[in-house]
Amino acid sequence: MPSSVRLAFATLAVALVGLITPVGAVRQQPPAGRVLPDFDIREGRPPHAGSPQTQSEARRATENRSSPVRVHPFTGGVLVLDRPGVNVPRAMAAPALRNVVASLAERLGLEDGDLGSLTVLRDYVTRSNGLRTVTFSQLVDGLPVFDAVVTLHISASGEIVRITSSAGHTAGRQQAAQVGVEQAVTAAAANIRPDLPFSPARIESLHRA
């Protein structure tokens, strides 16, 4: 067979593979009609009314002719607190800043103790404006609360120019129920592919003392 014919067959084979492969990949996708259940139960709920502490902060802002207080729709706390009138040392360590945040719980529409357990997520200085940004995550019973963070913006002079918060109230909460390993794995598998049967099985550890 002439070399030119062999080259033509090889080119045709490569082209066919290139056409067939995407089709196979598309066929391996899960059915479009299968939708995983939404774990965020907050969606669709009406906005949360402002807490008594939030309403108090709103009155203070009105009296001082400051920016209107914005209420977080999911927590009822203060979403943005501009210039609370607090100054800190520019290089104050994050653990000390955490105590400052906790002392401002009422100004953020929360209660004492709601911000008692915070952990640092980010701490950096923006070169363009010199602002130091420190973000904390809210913890309850040692577990991070989904989407609950408090962020400080500190100027070069040490003034806290803005606090944003999505932290929530912790009083009256129900203790999390304890579940076994098999039950947790089964629930996770059902959330991913509820249409497939699944039965967990324990595997002994391969590491021996």
N, C-alpha and C. Protein backbone atom coordinates (compact mmCIF):
# COMPACT_ATOMS: atom_id res chain seq x y z
N MET A 1 0.86 -1.19 0.00
CA MET A 1 0.00 0.00 0.00
C MET A 1 0.89 1.24 0.00
N PRO A 2 0.65 2.18 -0.94
CA PRO A 2 1.49 3.38 -1.01
C PRO A 2 1.44 4.14 0.32
N SER A 3 2.52 4.84 0.60
CA SER A 3 2.60 5.58 1.85
C SER A 3 1.55 6.68 1.92
N SER A 4 1.20 7.27 0.79
CA SER A 4 0.20 8.35 0.79
C SER A 4 -1.17 7.83 1.20
N VAL A 5 -1.49 6.57 0.78
CA VAL A 5 -2.78 5.97 1.14
C VAL A 5 -2.81 5.66 2.63
N ARG A 6 -1.67 5.10 3.14
CA ARG A 6 -1.61 4.80 4.57
C ARG A 6 -1.76 6.07 5.40
N LEU A 7 -1.16 7.18 4.94
CA LEU A 7 -1.28 8.44 5.65
C LEU A 7 -2.72 8.93 5.66
N ALA A 8 -3.42 8.74 4.55
CA ALA A 8 -4.81 9.17 4.47
C ALA A 8 -5.68 8.38 5.43
N PHE A 9 -5.47 7.03 5.50
CA PHE A 9 -6.23 6.20 6.44
C PHE A 9 -5.95 6.61 7.89
N ALA A 10 -4.69 6.89 8.21
CA ALA A 10 -4.33 7.28 9.57
C ALA A 10 -5.00 8.60 9.96
N THR A 11 -5.01 9.54 9.01
CA THR A 11 -5.66 10.83 9.28
C THR A 11 -7.15 10.66 9.51
N LEU A 12 -7.79 9.81 8.70
CA LEU A 12 -9.22 9.54 8.85
C LEU A 12 -9.53 8.91 10.19
N ALA A 13 -8.67 7.97 10.64
CA ALA A 13 -8.88 7.30 11.93
C ALA A 13 -8.78 8.29 13.08
N VAL A 14 -7.80 9.19 13.02
CA VAL A 14 -7.65 10.20 14.07
C VAL A 14 -8.88 11.11 14.12
N ALA A 15 -9.38 11.49 12.95
CA ALA A 15 -10.55 12.37 12.89
C ALA A 15 -11.77 11.69 13.49
N LEU A 16 -11.96 10.39 13.20
CA LEU A 16 -13.10 9.66 13.75
C LEU A 16 -13.02 9.56 15.26
N VAL A 17 -11.82 9.30 15.79
CA VAL A 17 -11.65 9.23 17.24
C VAL A 17 -12.00 10.56 17.88
N GLY A 18 -11.58 11.66 17.24
CA GLY A 18 -11.87 12.98 17.76
C GLY A 18 -13.35 13.28 17.78
N LEU A 19 -14.11 12.72 16.82
CA LEU A 19 -15.56 12.95 16.79
C LEU A 19 -16.30 12.08 17.77
N ILE A 20 -15.83 10.85 17.96
CA ILE A 20 -16.54 9.90 18.81
C ILE A 20 -16.30 10.18 20.29
N THR A 21 -15.08 10.60 20.66
CA THR A 21 -14.74 10.76 22.08
C THR A 21 -15.64 11.75 22.80
N PRO A 22 -15.93 12.97 22.26
CA PRO A 22 -16.82 13.88 22.97
C PRO A 22 -18.21 13.32 23.18
N VAL A 23 -18.71 12.54 22.17
CA VAL A 23 -20.03 11.95 22.31
C VAL A 23 -20.06 10.98 23.48
N GLY A 24 -19.02 10.16 23.61
CA GLY A 24 -18.95 9.22 24.73
C GLY A 24 -18.89 9.93 26.05
N ALA A 25 -18.14 11.06 26.09
CA ALA A 25 -18.03 11.80 27.34
C ALA A 25 -19.37 12.38 27.74
N VAL A 26 -20.12 12.87 26.76
CA VAL A 26 -21.45 13.42 27.06
C VAL A 26 -22.37 12.35 27.59
N ARG A 27 -22.30 11.17 27.05
CA ARG A 27 -23.18 10.08 27.48
C ARG A 27 -22.90 9.63 28.90
N GLN A 28 -21.69 9.91 29.41
CA GLN A 28 -21.35 9.50 30.76
C GLN A 28 -21.83 10.49 31.82
N GLN A 29 -22.36 11.63 31.37
CA GLN A 29 -22.85 12.62 32.32
C GLN A 29 -24.10 12.09 33.02
N PRO A 30 -24.34 12.48 34.30
CA PRO A 30 -25.56 12.04 35.00
C PRO A 30 -26.80 12.64 34.35
N PRO A 31 -27.94 12.04 34.54
CA PRO A 31 -29.17 12.55 33.94
C PRO A 31 -29.41 14.00 34.33
N ALA A 32 -29.85 14.81 33.35
CA ALA A 32 -30.07 16.23 33.61
C ALA A 32 -31.22 16.46 34.59
N GLY A 33 -32.17 15.52 34.65
CA GLY A 33 -33.32 15.71 35.52
C GLY A 33 -33.04 15.43 36.98
N ARG A 34 -31.88 14.84 37.30
CA ARG A 34 -31.57 14.50 38.69
C ARG A 34 -31.00 15.72 39.40
N VAL A 35 -31.70 16.25 40.38
CA VAL A 35 -31.28 17.44 41.11
C VAL A 35 -31.05 17.05 42.56
N LEU A 36 -29.88 17.37 43.09
CA LEU A 36 -29.59 17.08 44.49
C LEU A 36 -30.40 17.98 45.40
N PRO A 37 -30.83 17.47 46.54
CA PRO A 37 -31.59 18.32 47.47
C PRO A 37 -30.73 19.47 47.99
N ASP A 38 -31.37 20.62 48.18
CA ASP A 38 -30.67 21.81 48.65
C ASP A 38 -30.51 21.74 50.15
N PHE A 39 -29.27 21.87 50.64
CA PHE A 39 -29.02 21.77 52.06
C PHE A 39 -29.23 23.09 52.78
N ASP A 40 -29.33 24.22 52.04
CA ASP A 40 -29.47 25.53 52.66
C ASP A 40 -30.95 25.83 52.86
N ILE A 41 -31.45 25.61 54.07
CA ILE A 41 -32.88 25.77 54.34
C ILE A 41 -33.27 27.24 54.47
N ARG A 42 -32.29 28.16 54.42
CA ARG A 42 -32.62 29.57 54.57
C ARG A 42 -33.27 30.14 53.32
N GLU A 43 -32.95 29.55 52.17
CA GLU A 43 -33.48 30.07 50.92
C GLU A 43 -35.01 29.95 50.90
N GLY A 44 -35.66 30.98 50.45
CA GLY A 44 -37.11 30.98 50.36
C GLY A 44 -37.80 31.48 51.61
N ARG A 45 -37.07 31.65 52.70
CA ARG A 45 -37.68 32.17 53.92
C ARG A 45 -37.78 33.69 53.85
N PRO A 46 -38.79 34.27 54.50
CA PRO A 46 -38.89 35.73 54.51
C PRO A 46 -37.73 36.33 55.30
N PRO A 47 -37.34 37.58 55.02
CA PRO A 47 -36.23 38.21 55.74
C PRO A 47 -36.48 38.22 57.25
N HIS A 48 -35.43 37.99 58.00
CA HIS A 48 -35.52 37.95 59.45
C HIS A 48 -35.69 39.38 59.99
N ALA A 49 -36.59 39.54 60.94
CA ALA A 49 -36.78 40.86 61.56
C ALA A 49 -35.55 41.20 62.39
N GLY A 50 -35.24 42.49 62.47
CA GLY A 50 -34.09 42.92 63.24
C GLY A 50 -34.24 42.60 64.71
N SER A 51 -33.15 42.16 65.32
CA SER A 51 -33.18 41.85 66.75
C SER A 51 -33.34 43.14 67.55
N PRO A 52 -33.70 43.05 68.84
CA PRO A 52 -33.79 44.26 69.66
C PRO A 52 -32.49 45.06 69.65
N GLN A 53 -31.35 44.36 69.66
CA GLN A 53 -30.07 45.05 69.61
C GLN A 53 -29.89 45.78 68.28
N THR A 54 -30.35 45.15 67.19
CA THR A 54 -30.26 45.78 65.88
C THR A 54 -31.13 47.01 65.81
N GLN A 55 -32.33 46.93 66.36
CA GLN A 55 -33.22 48.08 66.36
C GLN A 55 -32.64 49.23 67.18
N SER A 56 -31.98 48.89 68.28
CA SER A 56 -31.32 49.91 69.09
C SER A 56 -30.21 50.59 68.31
N GLU A 57 -29.43 49.81 67.58
CA GLU A 57 -28.35 50.37 66.76
C GLU A 57 -28.93 51.23 65.64
N ALA A 58 -30.07 50.85 65.09
CA ALA A 58 -30.72 51.63 64.04
C ALA A 58 -31.17 52.99 64.59
N ARG A 59 -31.68 53.00 65.80
CA ARG A 59 -32.09 54.28 66.41
C ARG A 59 -30.86 55.16 66.67
N ARG A 60 -29.78 54.54 67.12
CA ARG A 60 -28.55 55.30 67.36
C ARG A 60 -28.05 55.93 66.05
N ALA A 61 -28.11 55.18 64.97
CA ALA A 61 -27.66 55.71 63.68
C ALA A 61 -28.54 56.87 63.23
N THR A 62 -29.83 56.77 63.47
CA THR A 62 -30.74 57.86 63.10
C THR A 62 -30.46 59.11 63.91
N GLU A 63 -30.25 58.94 65.20
CA GLU A 63 -29.96 60.09 66.06
C GLU A 63 -28.65 60.76 65.69
N ASN A 64 -27.66 59.96 65.28
CA ASN A 64 -26.35 60.51 64.91
C ASN A 64 -26.27 60.89 63.44
N ARG A 65 -27.39 60.69 62.73
CA ARG A 65 -27.45 61.00 61.31
C ARG A 65 -26.36 60.25 60.53
N SER A 66 -26.18 59.01 60.94
CA SER A 66 -25.22 58.15 60.26
C SER A 66 -25.93 57.36 59.15
N SER A 67 -25.16 56.52 58.47
CA SER A 67 -25.75 55.69 57.42
C SER A 67 -26.80 54.76 58.03
N PRO A 68 -27.92 54.54 57.34
CA PRO A 68 -28.94 53.63 57.87
C PRO A 68 -28.38 52.24 58.10
N VAL A 69 -28.86 51.61 59.16
CA VAL A 69 -28.39 50.27 59.49
C VAL A 69 -29.00 49.25 58.54
N ARG A 70 -28.16 48.40 57.99
CA ARG A 70 -28.63 47.32 57.12
C ARG A 70 -28.74 46.04 57.94
N VAL A 71 -29.90 45.38 57.82
CA VAL A 71 -30.18 44.17 58.59
C VAL A 71 -29.88 42.94 57.75
N HIS A 72 -29.15 42.01 58.36
CA HIS A 72 -28.87 40.76 57.65
C HIS A 72 -30.16 39.95 57.53
N PRO A 73 -30.54 39.54 56.31
CA PRO A 73 -31.84 38.87 56.13
C PRO A 73 -31.95 37.51 56.80
N PHE A 74 -30.82 36.85 57.08
CA PHE A 74 -30.87 35.51 57.65
C PHE A 74 -30.70 35.50 59.17
N THR A 75 -30.04 36.52 59.72
CA THR A 75 -29.74 36.51 61.16
C THR A 75 -30.48 37.56 61.96
N GLY A 76 -30.92 38.63 61.31
CA GLY A 76 -31.55 39.73 62.04
C GLY A 76 -30.54 40.64 62.71
N GLY A 77 -29.25 40.36 62.53
CA GLY A 77 -28.21 41.20 63.10
C GLY A 77 -27.84 42.33 62.15
N VAL A 78 -26.87 43.14 62.57
CA VAL A 78 -26.40 44.25 61.75
C VAL A 78 -25.45 43.71 60.68
N LEU A 79 -25.74 44.01 59.45
CA LEU A 79 -24.93 43.52 58.33
C LEU A 79 -23.66 44.35 58.16
N VAL A 80 -23.80 45.67 58.23
CA VAL A 80 -22.66 46.57 58.06
C VAL A 80 -22.70 47.62 59.16
N LEU A 81 -21.58 47.77 59.85
CA LEU A 81 -21.45 48.77 60.90
C LEU A 81 -20.29 49.69 60.53
N ASP A 82 -20.63 50.92 60.11
CA ASP A 82 -19.62 51.88 59.68
C ASP A 82 -19.14 52.73 60.85
N ARG A 83 -17.83 52.87 60.96
CA ARG A 83 -17.18 53.74 61.94
C ARG A 83 -17.85 53.66 63.31
N PRO A 84 -17.67 52.55 64.01
CA PRO A 84 -18.28 52.40 65.34
C PRO A 84 -17.62 53.25 66.42
N GLY A 85 -16.59 54.03 66.05
CA GLY A 85 -15.94 54.87 67.04
C GLY A 85 -14.93 54.13 67.89
N VAL A 86 -14.28 53.13 67.32
CA VAL A 86 -13.31 52.31 68.04
C VAL A 86 -11.96 52.42 67.35
N ASN A 87 -10.92 52.67 68.14
CA ASN A 87 -9.55 52.71 67.63
C ASN A 87 -8.73 51.64 68.33
N VAL A 88 -7.87 51.00 67.56
CA VAL A 88 -7.01 49.94 68.10
C VAL A 88 -5.60 50.18 67.59
N PRO A 89 -4.59 49.63 68.26
CA PRO A 89 -3.23 49.70 67.70
C PRO A 89 -3.19 49.04 66.33
N ARG A 90 -2.51 49.69 65.41
CA ARG A 90 -2.47 49.21 64.03
C ARG A 90 -2.02 47.76 63.93
N ALA A 91 -1.03 47.38 64.74
CA ALA A 91 -0.47 46.03 64.66
C ALA A 91 -1.02 45.11 65.74
N MET A 92 -2.19 45.41 66.28
CA MET A 92 -2.77 44.56 67.33
C MET A 92 -2.92 43.13 66.81
N ALA A 93 -2.53 42.18 67.63
CA ALA A 93 -2.61 40.77 67.23
C ALA A 93 -4.06 40.35 67.05
N ALA A 94 -4.25 39.38 66.16
CA ALA A 94 -5.61 38.92 65.85
C ALA A 94 -6.37 38.42 67.08
N PRO A 95 -5.74 37.67 68.01
CA PRO A 95 -6.49 37.25 69.21
C PRO A 95 -7.02 38.42 70.03
N ALA A 96 -6.24 39.50 70.10
CA ALA A 96 -6.72 40.68 70.83
C ALA A 96 -7.85 41.36 70.07
N LEU A 97 -7.76 41.40 68.74
CA LEU A 97 -8.85 41.95 67.93
C LEU A 97 -10.13 41.14 68.09
N ARG A 98 -9.97 39.86 68.30
CA ARG A 98 -11.14 39.01 68.52
C ARG A 98 -11.90 39.46 69.76
N ASN A 99 -11.19 39.85 70.80
CA ASN A 99 -11.84 40.34 72.01
C ASN A 99 -12.55 41.66 71.75
N VAL A 100 -11.97 42.50 70.89
CA VAL A 100 -12.62 43.76 70.53
C VAL A 100 -13.93 43.49 69.82
N VAL A 101 -13.91 42.54 68.89
CA VAL A 101 -15.14 42.18 68.17
C VAL A 101 -16.20 41.67 69.14
N ALA A 102 -15.79 40.81 70.06
CA ALA A 102 -16.75 40.25 71.02
C ALA A 102 -17.38 41.35 71.86
N SER A 103 -16.62 42.41 72.17
CA SER A 103 -17.16 43.50 72.97
C SER A 103 -18.17 44.34 72.20
N LEU A 104 -18.18 44.20 70.87
CA LEU A 104 -19.11 44.95 70.03
C LEU A 104 -20.31 44.12 69.60
N ALA A 105 -20.54 43.02 70.29
CA ALA A 105 -21.65 42.13 69.90
C ALA A 105 -22.99 42.86 69.88
N GLU A 106 -23.26 43.69 70.87
CA GLU A 106 -24.55 44.39 70.92
C GLU A 106 -24.68 45.36 69.75
N ARG A 107 -23.58 46.05 69.40
CA ARG A 107 -23.63 46.98 68.27
C ARG A 107 -23.89 46.24 66.96
N LEU A 108 -23.56 44.95 66.92
CA LEU A 108 -23.78 44.13 65.73
C LEU A 108 -25.12 43.40 65.77
N GLY A 109 -25.96 43.78 66.73
CA GLY A 109 -27.28 43.17 66.80
C GLY A 109 -27.31 41.81 67.45
N LEU A 110 -26.24 41.46 68.18
CA LEU A 110 -26.13 40.15 68.79
C LEU A 110 -26.13 40.29 70.31
N GLU A 111 -25.95 39.17 70.99
CA GLU A 111 -25.92 39.15 72.44
C GLU A 111 -24.53 38.75 72.93
N ASP A 112 -24.26 39.06 74.19
CA ASP A 112 -22.99 38.65 74.78
C ASP A 112 -22.84 37.13 74.69
N GLY A 113 -21.73 36.70 74.23
CA GLY A 113 -21.48 35.27 74.08
C GLY A 113 -21.62 34.77 72.67
N ASP A 114 -22.35 35.50 71.82
CA ASP A 114 -22.51 35.05 70.44
C ASP A 114 -21.20 35.05 69.68
N LEU A 115 -20.30 35.98 70.06
CA LEU A 115 -19.02 36.08 69.38
C LEU A 115 -17.88 35.65 70.29
N GLY A 116 -18.19 34.83 71.25
CA GLY A 116 -17.16 34.39 72.20
C GLY A 116 -16.17 33.41 71.61
N SER A 117 -16.56 32.72 70.54
CA SER A 117 -15.67 31.73 69.91
C SER A 117 -15.50 32.10 68.45
N LEU A 118 -14.42 32.83 68.18
CA LEU A 118 -14.10 33.22 66.81
C LEU A 118 -12.71 32.69 66.46
N THR A 119 -12.52 32.34 65.21
CA THR A 119 -11.21 31.89 64.75
C THR A 119 -10.82 32.70 63.53
N VAL A 120 -9.54 33.02 63.42
CA VAL A 120 -9.05 33.87 62.33
C VAL A 120 -9.05 33.09 61.01
N LEU A 121 -9.62 33.72 59.98
CA LEU A 121 -9.59 33.14 58.64
C LEU A 121 -8.56 33.84 57.76
N ARG A 122 -8.55 35.17 57.79
CA ARG A 122 -7.63 35.95 56.96
C ARG A 122 -7.18 37.19 57.73
N ASP A 123 -5.96 37.62 57.45
CA ASP A 123 -5.41 38.82 58.05
C ASP A 123 -4.37 39.38 57.08
N TYR A 124 -4.72 40.49 56.40
CA TYR A 124 -3.82 41.03 55.39
C TYR A 124 -4.02 42.54 55.27
N VAL A 125 -3.07 43.20 54.63
CA VAL A 125 -3.11 44.63 54.38
C VAL A 125 -3.17 44.87 52.88
N THR A 126 -4.14 45.69 52.44
CA THR A 126 -4.27 46.03 51.03
C THR A 126 -3.32 47.17 50.69
N ARG A 127 -2.44 46.95 49.74
CA ARG A 127 -1.43 47.96 49.42
C ARG A 127 -2.04 49.23 48.84
N SER A 128 -3.11 49.11 48.09
CA SER A 128 -3.66 50.28 47.39
C SER A 128 -4.22 51.32 48.35
N ASN A 129 -4.85 50.88 49.45
CA ASN A 129 -5.46 51.84 50.37
C ASN A 129 -4.93 51.75 51.80
N GLY A 130 -4.06 50.77 52.06
CA GLY A 130 -3.47 50.65 53.39
C GLY A 130 -4.38 50.06 54.44
N LEU A 131 -5.56 49.62 54.07
CA LEU A 131 -6.49 49.04 55.04
C LEU A 131 -6.04 47.64 55.45
N ARG A 132 -6.12 47.38 56.73
CA ARG A 132 -5.88 46.02 57.23
C ARG A 132 -7.23 45.33 57.37
N THR A 133 -7.34 44.16 56.80
CA THR A 133 -8.58 43.39 56.84
C THR A 133 -8.36 42.11 57.64
N VAL A 134 -9.20 41.92 58.65
CA VAL A 134 -9.12 40.71 59.48
C VAL A 134 -10.51 40.06 59.49
N THR A 135 -10.56 38.82 59.09
CA THR A 135 -11.83 38.09 59.02
C THR A 135 -11.82 36.93 60.00
N PHE A 136 -12.92 36.83 60.75
CA PHE A 136 -13.09 35.76 61.73
C PHE A 136 -14.28 34.89 61.33
N SER A 137 -14.18 33.61 61.67
CA SER A 137 -15.29 32.68 61.48
C SER A 137 -15.94 32.41 62.84
N GLN A 138 -17.26 32.40 62.86
CA GLN A 138 -17.99 32.12 64.10
C GLN A 138 -18.05 30.62 64.35
N LEU A 139 -17.71 30.22 65.55
CA LEU A 139 -17.77 28.82 65.95
C LEU A 139 -18.82 28.65 67.04
N VAL A 140 -19.54 27.55 66.99
CA VAL A 140 -20.51 27.18 68.02
C VAL A 140 -20.26 25.73 68.39
N ASP A 141 -20.04 25.48 69.67
CA ASP A 141 -19.72 24.13 70.14
C ASP A 141 -18.52 23.56 69.41
N GLY A 142 -17.58 24.44 69.08
CA GLY A 142 -16.36 24.00 68.43
C GLY A 142 -16.47 23.78 66.93
N LEU A 143 -17.64 24.04 66.34
CA LEU A 143 -17.85 23.82 64.92
C LEU A 143 -18.07 25.15 64.21
N PRO A 144 -17.47 25.36 63.04
CA PRO A 144 -17.69 26.60 62.29
C PRO A 144 -19.12 26.67 61.77
N VAL A 145 -19.74 27.83 61.91
CA VAL A 145 -21.10 28.04 61.43
C VAL A 145 -21.05 28.40 59.95
N PHE A 146 -21.86 27.75 59.16
CA PHE A 146 -21.86 27.97 57.72
C PHE A 146 -22.12 29.43 57.39
N ASP A 147 -21.21 30.02 56.63
CA ASP A 147 -21.37 31.38 56.10
C ASP A 147 -21.44 32.44 57.19
N ALA A 148 -20.96 32.16 58.40
CA ALA A 148 -21.00 33.12 59.51
C ALA A 148 -19.60 33.67 59.75
N VAL A 149 -19.37 34.88 59.27
CA VAL A 149 -18.06 35.50 59.41
C VAL A 149 -18.23 36.95 59.86
N VAL A 150 -17.19 37.47 60.51
CA VAL A 150 -17.13 38.88 60.89
C VAL A 150 -15.82 39.43 60.36
N THR A 151 -15.89 40.56 59.65
CA THR A 151 -14.70 41.14 59.03
C THR A 151 -14.50 42.57 59.52
N LEU A 152 -13.26 42.87 59.95
CA LEU A 152 -12.88 44.21 60.36
C LEU A 152 -12.03 44.85 59.27
N HIS A 153 -12.24 46.17 59.07
CA HIS A 153 -11.39 46.95 58.19
C HIS A 153 -10.80 48.07 59.03
N ILE A 154 -9.48 48.07 59.16
CA ILE A 154 -8.79 48.98 60.04
C ILE A 154 -7.90 49.90 59.21
N SER A 155 -8.02 51.20 59.44
CA SER A 155 -7.23 52.18 58.69
C SER A 155 -5.80 52.21 59.20
N ALA A 156 -4.95 52.98 58.49
CA ALA A 156 -3.55 53.10 58.89
C ALA A 156 -3.40 53.76 60.25
N SER A 157 -4.39 54.58 60.64
CA SER A 157 -4.33 55.25 61.94
C SER A 157 -4.83 54.37 63.08
N GLY A 158 -5.38 53.19 62.75
CA GLY A 158 -5.88 52.28 63.77
C GLY A 158 -7.38 52.36 63.99
N GLU A 159 -8.06 53.20 63.22
CA GLU A 159 -9.52 53.31 63.37
C GLU A 159 -10.21 52.14 62.66
N ILE A 160 -11.18 51.54 63.33
CA ILE A 160 -12.02 50.52 62.69
C ILE A 160 -13.06 51.28 61.86
N VAL A 161 -12.88 51.26 60.56
CA VAL A 161 -13.74 52.05 59.68
C VAL A 161 -14.99 51.29 59.26
N ARG A 162 -14.95 49.97 59.33
CA ARG A 162 -16.14 49.19 58.94
C ARG A 162 -16.05 47.79 59.51
N ILE A 163 -17.22 47.28 59.92
CA ILE A 163 -17.36 45.88 60.33
C ILE A 163 -18.52 45.29 59.55
N THR A 164 -18.29 44.18 58.90
CA THR A 164 -19.38 43.45 58.26
C THR A 164 -19.56 42.12 59.01
N SER A 165 -20.82 41.73 59.15
CA SER A 165 -21.09 40.53 59.96
C SER A 165 -22.24 39.72 59.38
N SER A 166 -22.03 38.41 59.36
CA SER A 166 -23.11 37.47 59.04
C SER A 166 -23.24 36.46 60.17
N ALA A 167 -22.68 36.81 61.35
CA ALA A 167 -22.79 35.93 62.52
C ALA A 167 -24.22 35.94 63.05
N GLY A 168 -24.59 34.86 63.69
CA GLY A 168 -25.96 34.73 64.18
C GLY A 168 -26.02 34.49 65.67
N HIS A 169 -27.26 34.43 66.18
CA HIS A 169 -27.49 34.17 67.60
C HIS A 169 -27.24 32.70 67.92
N THR A 170 -26.75 32.46 69.10
CA THR A 170 -26.43 31.09 69.51
C THR A 170 -27.30 30.61 70.67
N ALA A 171 -28.02 31.51 71.32
CA ALA A 171 -28.84 31.12 72.46
C ALA A 171 -30.04 30.29 72.00
N GLY A 172 -30.44 29.32 72.81
CA GLY A 172 -31.62 28.51 72.52
C GLY A 172 -31.41 27.49 71.42
N ARG A 173 -30.20 27.25 71.03
CA ARG A 173 -29.94 26.28 69.96
C ARG A 173 -30.09 24.86 70.47
N GLN A 174 -30.38 23.97 69.58
CA GLN A 174 -30.48 22.55 69.91
C GLN A 174 -29.12 21.89 69.71
N GLN A 175 -28.78 21.01 70.61
CA GLN A 175 -27.53 20.28 70.48
C GLN A 175 -27.60 19.32 69.29
N ALA A 176 -26.52 19.25 68.57
CA ALA A 176 -26.48 18.37 67.40
C ALA A 176 -26.60 16.91 67.82
N ALA A 177 -27.41 16.17 67.10
CA ALA A 177 -27.59 14.76 67.41
C ALA A 177 -26.36 13.96 66.98
N GLN A 178 -26.01 12.98 67.78
CA GLN A 178 -24.88 12.12 67.46
C GLN A 178 -25.33 11.01 66.51
N VAL A 179 -24.59 10.78 65.45
CA VAL A 179 -24.90 9.73 64.50
C VAL A 179 -23.69 8.82 64.35
N GLY A 180 -23.96 7.57 64.02
CA GLY A 180 -22.88 6.61 63.81
C GLY A 180 -22.21 6.80 62.47
N VAL A 181 -21.07 6.14 62.31
CA VAL A 181 -20.30 6.26 61.07
C VAL A 181 -21.11 5.74 59.89
N GLU A 182 -21.72 4.57 60.04
CA GLU A 182 -22.50 3.98 58.94
C GLU A 182 -23.66 4.89 58.54
N GLN A 183 -24.33 5.46 59.53
CA GLN A 183 -25.46 6.33 59.23
C GLN A 183 -25.01 7.60 58.50
N ALA A 184 -23.87 8.16 58.91
CA ALA A 184 -23.36 9.35 58.26
C ALA A 184 -22.96 9.07 56.82
N VAL A 185 -22.28 7.94 56.59
CA VAL A 185 -21.85 7.59 55.23
C VAL A 185 -23.06 7.33 54.34
N THR A 186 -24.06 6.64 54.87
CA THR A 186 -25.27 6.35 54.09
C THR A 186 -25.98 7.64 53.70
N ALA A 187 -26.07 8.58 54.63
CA ALA A 187 -26.72 9.86 54.33
C ALA A 187 -25.95 10.63 53.27
N ALA A 188 -24.61 10.60 53.34
CA ALA A 188 -23.80 11.30 52.35
C ALA A 188 -23.96 10.68 50.97
N ALA A 189 -23.98 9.35 50.90
CA ALA A 189 -24.15 8.68 49.61
C ALA A 189 -25.53 8.96 49.02
N ALA A 190 -26.55 8.99 49.88
CA ALA A 190 -27.91 9.26 49.39
C ALA A 190 -28.03 10.68 48.85
N ASN A 191 -27.26 11.61 49.41
CA ASN A 191 -27.31 12.98 48.93
C ASN A 191 -26.65 13.11 47.55
N ILE A 192 -25.65 12.26 47.28
CA ILE A 192 -24.95 12.33 46.00
C ILE A 192 -25.71 11.58 44.92
N ARG A 193 -26.08 10.33 45.20
CA ARG A 193 -26.82 9.53 44.23
C ARG A 193 -27.96 8.80 44.92
N PRO A 194 -29.08 9.49 45.16
CA PRO A 194 -30.20 8.87 45.87
C PRO A 194 -30.83 7.70 45.11
N ASP A 195 -30.55 7.61 43.80
CA ASP A 195 -31.17 6.55 43.00
C ASP A 195 -30.40 5.24 43.06
N LEU A 196 -29.22 5.21 43.69
CA LEU A 196 -28.41 3.99 43.74
C LEU A 196 -28.46 3.37 45.13
N PRO A 197 -28.60 2.05 45.21
CA PRO A 197 -28.56 1.39 46.52
C PRO A 197 -27.15 1.44 47.09
N PHE A 198 -27.05 1.60 48.41
CA PHE A 198 -25.74 1.71 49.03
C PHE A 198 -25.79 1.04 50.40
N SER A 199 -24.80 0.24 50.68
CA SER A 199 -24.71 -0.43 51.97
C SER A 199 -23.28 -0.31 52.47
N PRO A 200 -23.06 0.46 53.56
CA PRO A 200 -21.68 0.66 54.04
C PRO A 200 -21.12 -0.60 54.68
N ALA A 201 -19.82 -0.76 54.59
CA ALA A 201 -19.14 -1.90 55.20
C ALA A 201 -17.84 -1.40 55.85
N ARG A 202 -17.61 -1.80 57.07
CA ARG A 202 -16.40 -1.39 57.77
C ARG A 202 -15.18 -2.14 57.22
N ILE A 203 -14.08 -1.41 57.14
CA ILE A 203 -12.81 -1.99 56.69
C ILE A 203 -11.81 -1.81 57.81
N GLU A 204 -11.20 -2.92 58.21
CA GLU A 204 -10.22 -2.84 59.29
C GLU A 204 -9.01 -2.04 58.85
N SER A 205 -8.47 -1.28 59.79
CA SER A 205 -7.30 -0.47 59.49
C SER A 205 -6.12 -1.35 59.14
N LEU A 206 -5.34 -0.91 58.16
CA LEU A 206 -4.16 -1.66 57.74
C LEU A 206 -2.95 -1.34 58.61
N HIS A 207 -3.09 -0.29 59.42
CA HIS A 207 -1.97 0.11 60.28
C HIS A 207 -2.09 -0.62 61.61
N ARG A 208 -1.12 -1.37 61.93
CA ARG A 208 -1.12 -2.13 63.18
C ARG A 208 0.02 -1.64 64.06
N ALA A 209 -0.23 -1.65 65.36
CA ALA A 209 0.79 -1.19 66.31
C ALA A 209 1.94 -2.17 66.33
